Amino acid sequence: MAVPKKRTSISKKIIRKTFWKKRGYWTTLKAFSLAQSIFTGNSKKFFCNKYNHWNNLN
């Protein structure tokens, strides 16, 4: 016969939630850092063409 599972405690639920949120925080921080390095031209992971968008608008 099927028996319902035990309920997860509130403290365990909070720990899992904060861990999940922190993991998202570090991912966004890395993505922002990478975007910033590409924008400034200091990126060592990506090769980007030096393209000046503002000169071509005029």
N, C-alpha and C. Protein backbone atom coordinates (compact mmCIF):
# COMPACT_ATOMS: atom_id res chain seq x y z
N MET A 1 0.83 -1.18 0.00
CA MET A 1 0.00 0.00 0.00
C MET A 1 0.89 1.26 0.00
N ALA A 2 0.45 2.28 -0.72
CA ALA A 2 1.24 3.52 -0.82
C ALA A 2 1.16 4.32 0.47
N VAL A 3 2.32 4.77 0.91
CA VAL A 3 2.41 5.56 2.13
C VAL A 3 2.94 6.94 1.76
N PRO A 4 2.33 8.01 2.26
CA PRO A 4 2.84 9.35 1.93
C PRO A 4 4.22 9.59 2.53
N LYS A 5 5.02 10.35 1.80
CA LYS A 5 6.38 10.63 2.27
C LYS A 5 6.35 11.59 3.46
N LYS A 6 7.44 11.56 4.22
CA LYS A 6 7.55 12.49 5.34
C LYS A 6 7.74 13.90 4.81
N ARG A 7 7.29 14.84 5.57
CA ARG A 7 7.39 16.24 5.18
C ARG A 7 8.80 16.75 5.41
N THR A 8 9.31 17.56 4.46
CA THR A 8 10.64 18.15 4.62
C THR A 8 10.57 19.28 5.65
N SER A 9 11.55 19.33 6.53
CA SER A 9 11.54 20.36 7.56
C SER A 9 11.77 21.74 6.95
N ILE A 10 11.32 22.75 7.65
CA ILE A 10 11.42 24.13 7.15
C ILE A 10 12.88 24.54 7.02
N SER A 11 13.72 24.16 7.99
CA SER A 11 15.13 24.55 7.94
C SER A 11 15.83 23.92 6.73
N LYS A 12 15.52 22.68 6.44
CA LYS A 12 16.12 22.01 5.28
C LYS A 12 15.66 22.68 3.99
N LYS A 13 14.40 23.08 3.96
CA LYS A 13 13.84 23.75 2.79
C LYS A 13 14.53 25.10 2.56
N ILE A 14 14.77 25.84 3.65
CA ILE A 14 15.43 27.15 3.56
C ILE A 14 16.88 26.99 3.09
N ILE A 15 17.58 25.97 3.61
CA ILE A 15 18.97 25.73 3.21
C ILE A 15 19.05 25.45 1.71
N ARG A 16 18.17 24.60 1.22
CA ARG A 16 18.18 24.27 -0.21
C ARG A 16 17.86 25.49 -1.06
N LYS A 17 16.93 26.31 -0.60
CA LYS A 17 16.53 27.50 -1.36
C LYS A 17 17.68 28.51 -1.43
N THR A 18 18.37 28.74 -0.31
CA THR A 18 19.48 29.70 -0.32
C THR A 18 20.63 29.20 -1.18
N PHE A 19 20.88 27.89 -1.16
CA PHE A 19 21.93 27.33 -2.00
C PHE A 19 21.60 27.55 -3.47
N TRP A 20 20.35 27.34 -3.83
CA TRP A 20 19.91 27.52 -5.21
C TRP A 20 20.04 28.98 -5.63
N LYS A 21 19.70 29.90 -4.74
CA LYS A 21 19.82 31.33 -5.05
C LYS A 21 21.27 31.75 -5.18
N LYS A 22 22.15 31.25 -4.30
CA LYS A 22 23.57 31.60 -4.37
C LYS A 22 24.20 31.10 -5.66
N ARG A 23 23.79 29.93 -6.10
CA ARG A 23 24.34 29.38 -7.34
C ARG A 23 23.97 30.28 -8.52
N GLY A 24 22.76 30.81 -8.52
CA GLY A 24 22.34 31.74 -9.56
C GLY A 24 23.11 33.05 -9.48
N TYR A 25 23.40 33.49 -8.26
CA TYR A 25 24.15 34.74 -8.08
C TYR A 25 25.54 34.62 -8.67
N TRP A 26 26.24 33.52 -8.39
CA TRP A 26 27.60 33.36 -8.90
C TRP A 26 27.61 33.23 -10.42
N THR A 27 26.59 32.60 -10.98
CA THR A 27 26.51 32.45 -12.43
C THR A 27 26.33 33.81 -13.09
N THR A 28 25.45 34.65 -12.53
CA THR A 28 25.25 35.98 -13.10
C THR A 28 26.48 36.83 -12.93
N LEU A 29 27.19 36.68 -11.83
CA LEU A 29 28.41 37.45 -11.61
C LEU A 29 29.48 37.09 -12.64
N LYS A 30 29.63 35.80 -12.94
CA LYS A 30 30.59 35.37 -13.95
C LYS A 30 30.20 35.88 -15.33
N ALA A 31 28.91 35.81 -15.66
CA ALA A 31 28.44 36.26 -16.96
C ALA A 31 28.65 37.76 -17.12
N PHE A 32 28.38 38.52 -16.07
CA PHE A 32 28.58 39.97 -16.12
C PHE A 32 30.05 40.31 -16.27
N SER A 33 30.91 39.59 -15.56
CA SER A 33 32.35 39.83 -15.64
C SER A 33 32.87 39.53 -17.05
N LEU A 34 32.38 38.45 -17.65
CA LEU A 34 32.79 38.09 -19.00
C LEU A 34 32.32 39.14 -20.01
N ALA A 35 31.08 39.59 -19.87
CA ALA A 35 30.55 40.62 -20.77
C ALA A 35 31.34 41.92 -20.63
N GLN A 36 31.72 42.25 -19.42
CA GLN A 36 32.48 43.47 -19.17
C GLN A 36 33.87 43.37 -19.81
N SER A 37 34.50 42.22 -19.73
CA SER A 37 35.83 42.06 -20.32
C SER A 37 35.76 42.09 -21.84
N ILE A 38 34.69 41.54 -22.43
CA ILE A 38 34.53 41.59 -23.88
C ILE A 38 34.29 43.03 -24.31
N PHE A 39 33.47 43.76 -23.57
CA PHE A 39 33.14 45.14 -23.92
C PHE A 39 34.36 46.04 -23.86
N THR A 40 35.21 45.85 -22.86
CA THR A 40 36.40 46.69 -22.73
C THR A 40 37.53 46.23 -23.63
N GLY A 41 37.45 45.02 -24.15
CA GLY A 41 38.49 44.50 -25.04
C GLY A 41 39.59 43.77 -24.31
N ASN A 42 39.40 43.46 -23.04
CA ASN A 42 40.42 42.76 -22.25
C ASN A 42 40.16 41.26 -22.16
N SER A 43 39.29 40.75 -23.01
CA SER A 43 38.93 39.34 -22.93
C SER A 43 40.07 38.46 -23.43
N LYS A 44 40.35 37.39 -22.68
CA LYS A 44 41.38 36.44 -23.09
C LYS A 44 40.74 35.15 -23.61
N LYS A 45 39.43 35.01 -23.45
CA LYS A 45 38.75 33.79 -23.88
C LYS A 45 38.18 33.92 -25.28
N PHE A 46 37.77 35.13 -25.66
CA PHE A 46 37.12 35.33 -26.94
C PHE A 46 37.95 36.27 -27.80
N PHE A 47 37.96 35.99 -29.09
CA PHE A 47 38.61 36.89 -30.03
C PHE A 47 37.52 37.70 -30.71
N CYS A 48 37.56 39.00 -30.52
CA CYS A 48 36.53 39.88 -31.08
C CYS A 48 37.19 40.86 -32.05
N ASN A 49 36.47 41.18 -33.11
CA ASN A 49 36.95 42.20 -34.03
C ASN A 49 36.79 43.56 -33.38
N LYS A 50 37.79 44.39 -33.52
CA LYS A 50 37.68 45.75 -33.00
C LYS A 50 36.83 46.53 -33.99
N TYR A 51 35.57 46.71 -33.67
CA TYR A 51 34.61 47.32 -34.58
C TYR A 51 34.01 48.51 -33.87
N ASN A 52 34.18 49.69 -34.45
CA ASN A 52 33.65 50.89 -33.83
C ASN A 52 32.29 51.18 -34.45
N HIS A 53 31.26 50.95 -33.70
CA HIS A 53 29.89 51.10 -34.20
C HIS A 53 29.54 52.58 -34.40
N TRP A 54 30.09 53.45 -33.59
CA TRP A 54 29.71 54.86 -33.64
C TRP A 54 30.18 55.55 -34.92
N ASN A 55 31.30 55.14 -35.48
CA ASN A 55 31.78 55.77 -36.71
C ASN A 55 30.92 55.42 -37.90
N ASN A 56 30.30 54.26 -37.91
CA ASN A 56 29.50 53.83 -39.04
C ASN A 56 28.08 54.40 -39.02
N LEU A 57 27.67 55.00 -37.93
CA LEU A 57 26.34 55.58 -37.86
C LEU A 57 26.25 56.90 -38.63
N ASN A 58 27.34 57.62 -38.71
CA ASN A 58 27.33 58.95 -39.35
C ASN A 58 27.45 58.87 -40.84
